Amino acid sequence: MKEYELIIESYNPCGGREHGKKELMEIETNDPVAYVKGHAQVTEVEVVSENEEEILIEVNQYGYVKRYTFTEI
């Protein structure tokens, strides 16, 4: 299983990113997309970018956006 540093940013369209909430944690997973689907309890996610260094996934739930940034440790 791979280890990741995970940053979860939560914000709504009215307040924007400046007023968002951030969480930082370390997790183990083989599938970041499946992790986000389970964590956010949604069936659809958008992989915004993916490269060797990080994976950026966004979830939009009724106007509230959560951005998950996975960086492999």
C-alpha atoms as a PDB file:
ATOM      1  CA  MET A   1       0.000   0.000   0.000  1.00  0.00           C
ATOM      2  CA  LYS A   2       1.246   3.518  -0.794  1.00  0.00           C
ATOM      3  CA  GLU A   3       1.553   6.252   1.825  1.00  0.00           C
ATOM      4  CA  TYR A   4       0.342   9.751   1.062  1.00  0.00           C
ATOM      5  CA  GLU A   5       0.273  13.134   2.704  1.00  0.00           C
ATOM      6  CA  LEU A   6      -3.298  14.301   2.138  1.00  0.00           C
ATOM      7  CA  ILE A   7      -4.509  17.892   2.228  1.00  0.00           C
ATOM      8  CA  ILE A   8      -8.290  18.355   2.187  1.00  0.00           C
ATOM      9  CA  GLU A   9      -9.510  21.870   1.398  1.00  0.00           C
ATOM     10  CA  SER A  10     -13.213  22.653   1.893  1.00  0.00           C
ATOM     11  CA  TYR A  11     -14.780  25.857   0.614  1.00  0.00           C
ATOM     12  CA  ASN A  12     -18.028  27.199  -0.801  1.00  0.00           C
ATOM     13  CA  PRO A  13     -18.475  29.451  -3.844  1.00  0.00           C
ATOM     14  CA  CYS A  14     -19.557  32.479  -1.770  1.00  0.00           C
ATOM     15  CA  GLY A  15     -16.606  32.501   0.620  1.00  0.00           C
ATOM     16  CA  GLY A  16     -13.994  31.296  -1.816  1.00  0.00           C
ATOM     17  CA  ARG A  17     -10.641  29.729  -1.035  1.00  0.00           C
ATOM     18  CA  GLU A  18      -9.585  32.479   1.385  1.00  0.00           C
ATOM     19  CA  HIS A  19     -12.198  31.332   3.902  1.00  0.00           C
ATOM     20  CA  GLY A  20     -11.773  27.624   3.321  1.00  0.00           C
ATOM     21  CA  LYS A  21     -10.940  24.982   5.881  1.00  0.00           C
ATOM     22  CA  LYS A  22      -7.825  22.816   5.509  1.00  0.00           C
ATOM     23  CA  GLU A  23      -7.015  19.432   6.998  1.00  0.00           C
ATOM     24  CA  LEU A  24      -3.655  17.647   6.802  1.00  0.00           C
ATOM     25  CA  MET A  25      -3.209  13.920   7.404  1.00  0.00           C
ATOM     26  CA  GLU A  26      -1.173  10.886   6.407  1.00  0.00           C
ATOM     27  CA  ILE A  27      -3.018   7.932   4.897  1.00  0.00           C
ATOM     28  CA  GLU A  28      -2.364   4.598   3.211  1.00  0.00           C
ATOM     29  CA  THR A  29      -4.251   3.633   0.065  1.00  0.00           C
ATOM     30  CA  ASN A  30      -3.684   1.976  -3.288  1.00  0.00           C
ATOM     31  CA  ASP A  31      -6.472   3.969  -4.963  1.00  0.00           C
ATOM     32  CA  PRO A  32      -6.832   7.701  -4.147  1.00  0.00           C
ATOM     33  CA  VAL A  33     -10.043   8.001  -6.214  1.00  0.00           C
ATOM     34  CA  ALA A  34     -11.712   5.181  -4.256  1.00  0.00           C
ATOM     35  CA  TYR A  35     -10.499   6.769  -1.007  1.00  0.00           C
ATOM     36  CA  VAL A  36     -12.146  10.099  -1.922  1.00  0.00           C
ATOM     37  CA  LYS A  37     -15.391   8.410  -2.972  1.00  0.00           C
ATOM     38  CA  GLY A  38     -15.569   6.679   0.402  1.00  0.00           C
ATOM     39  CA  HIS A  39     -14.478   9.707   2.437  1.00  0.00           C
ATOM     40  CA  ALA A  40     -16.806  12.184   0.718  1.00  0.00           C
ATOM     41  CA  GLN A  41     -19.576   9.593   0.303  1.00  0.00           C
ATOM     42  CA  VAL A  42     -20.072  10.397  -3.383  1.00  0.00           C
ATOM     43  CA  THR A  43     -20.046   8.356  -6.578  1.00  0.00           C
ATOM     44  CA  GLU A  44     -18.520  10.951  -8.928  1.00  0.00           C
ATOM     45  CA  VAL A  45     -15.230  12.781  -8.520  1.00  0.00           C
ATOM     46  CA  GLU A  46     -13.070  14.803 -10.903  1.00  0.00           C
ATOM     47  CA  VAL A  47      -9.359  14.104 -11.203  1.00  0.00           C
ATOM     48  CA  VAL A  48      -8.102  17.638 -11.893  1.00  0.00           C
ATOM     49  CA  SER A  49      -4.449  16.749 -12.354  1.00  0.00           C
ATOM     50  CA  GLU A  50      -2.201  13.770 -11.904  1.00  0.00           C
ATOM     51  CA  ASN A  51       1.564  13.501 -12.210  1.00  0.00           C
ATOM     52  CA  GLU A  52       4.410  11.632 -10.537  1.00  0.00           C
ATOM     53  CA  GLU A  53       4.454  14.028  -7.579  1.00  0.00           C
ATOM     54  CA  GLU A  54       0.792  14.544  -6.719  1.00  0.00           C
ATOM     55  CA  ILE A  55      -2.828  13.736  -7.519  1.00  0.00           C
ATOM     56  CA  LEU A  56      -5.469  16.484  -7.272  1.00  0.00           C
ATOM     57  CA  ILE A  57      -9.110  15.414  -6.979  1.00  0.00           C
ATOM     58  CA  GLU A  58     -12.188  17.641  -6.570  1.00  0.00           C
ATOM     59  CA  VAL A  59     -15.689  16.864  -5.360  1.00  0.00           C
ATOM     60  CA  ASN A  60     -18.600  19.295  -5.792  1.00  0.00           C
ATOM     61  CA  GLN A  61     -21.530  18.673  -3.461  1.00  0.00           C
ATOM     62  CA  TYR A  62     -24.364  21.156  -3.995  1.00  0.00           C
ATOM     63  CA  GLY A  63     -21.993  24.098  -4.481  1.00  0.00           C
ATOM     64  CA  TYR A  64     -19.575  23.125  -1.713  1.00  0.00           C
ATOM     65  CA  VAL A  65     -16.207  22.075  -3.098  1.00  0.00           C
ATOM     66  CA  LYS A  66     -13.681  19.750  -1.509  1.00  0.00           C
ATOM     67  CA  ARG A  67     -10.223  19.478  -3.003  1.00  0.00           C
ATOM     68  CA  TYR A  68      -8.060  16.474  -2.106  1.00  0.00           C
ATOM     69  CA  THR A  69      -4.323  16.751  -2.797  1.00  0.00           C
ATOM     70  CA  PHE A  70      -2.404  13.474  -2.466  1.00  0.00           C
ATOM     71  CA  THR A  71       1.403  13.654  -2.313  1.00  0.00           C
ATOM     72  CA  GLU A  72       3.224  10.329  -2.111  1.00  0.00           C
ATOM     73  CA  ILE A  73       5.553  10.016   0.868  1.00  0.00           C
END
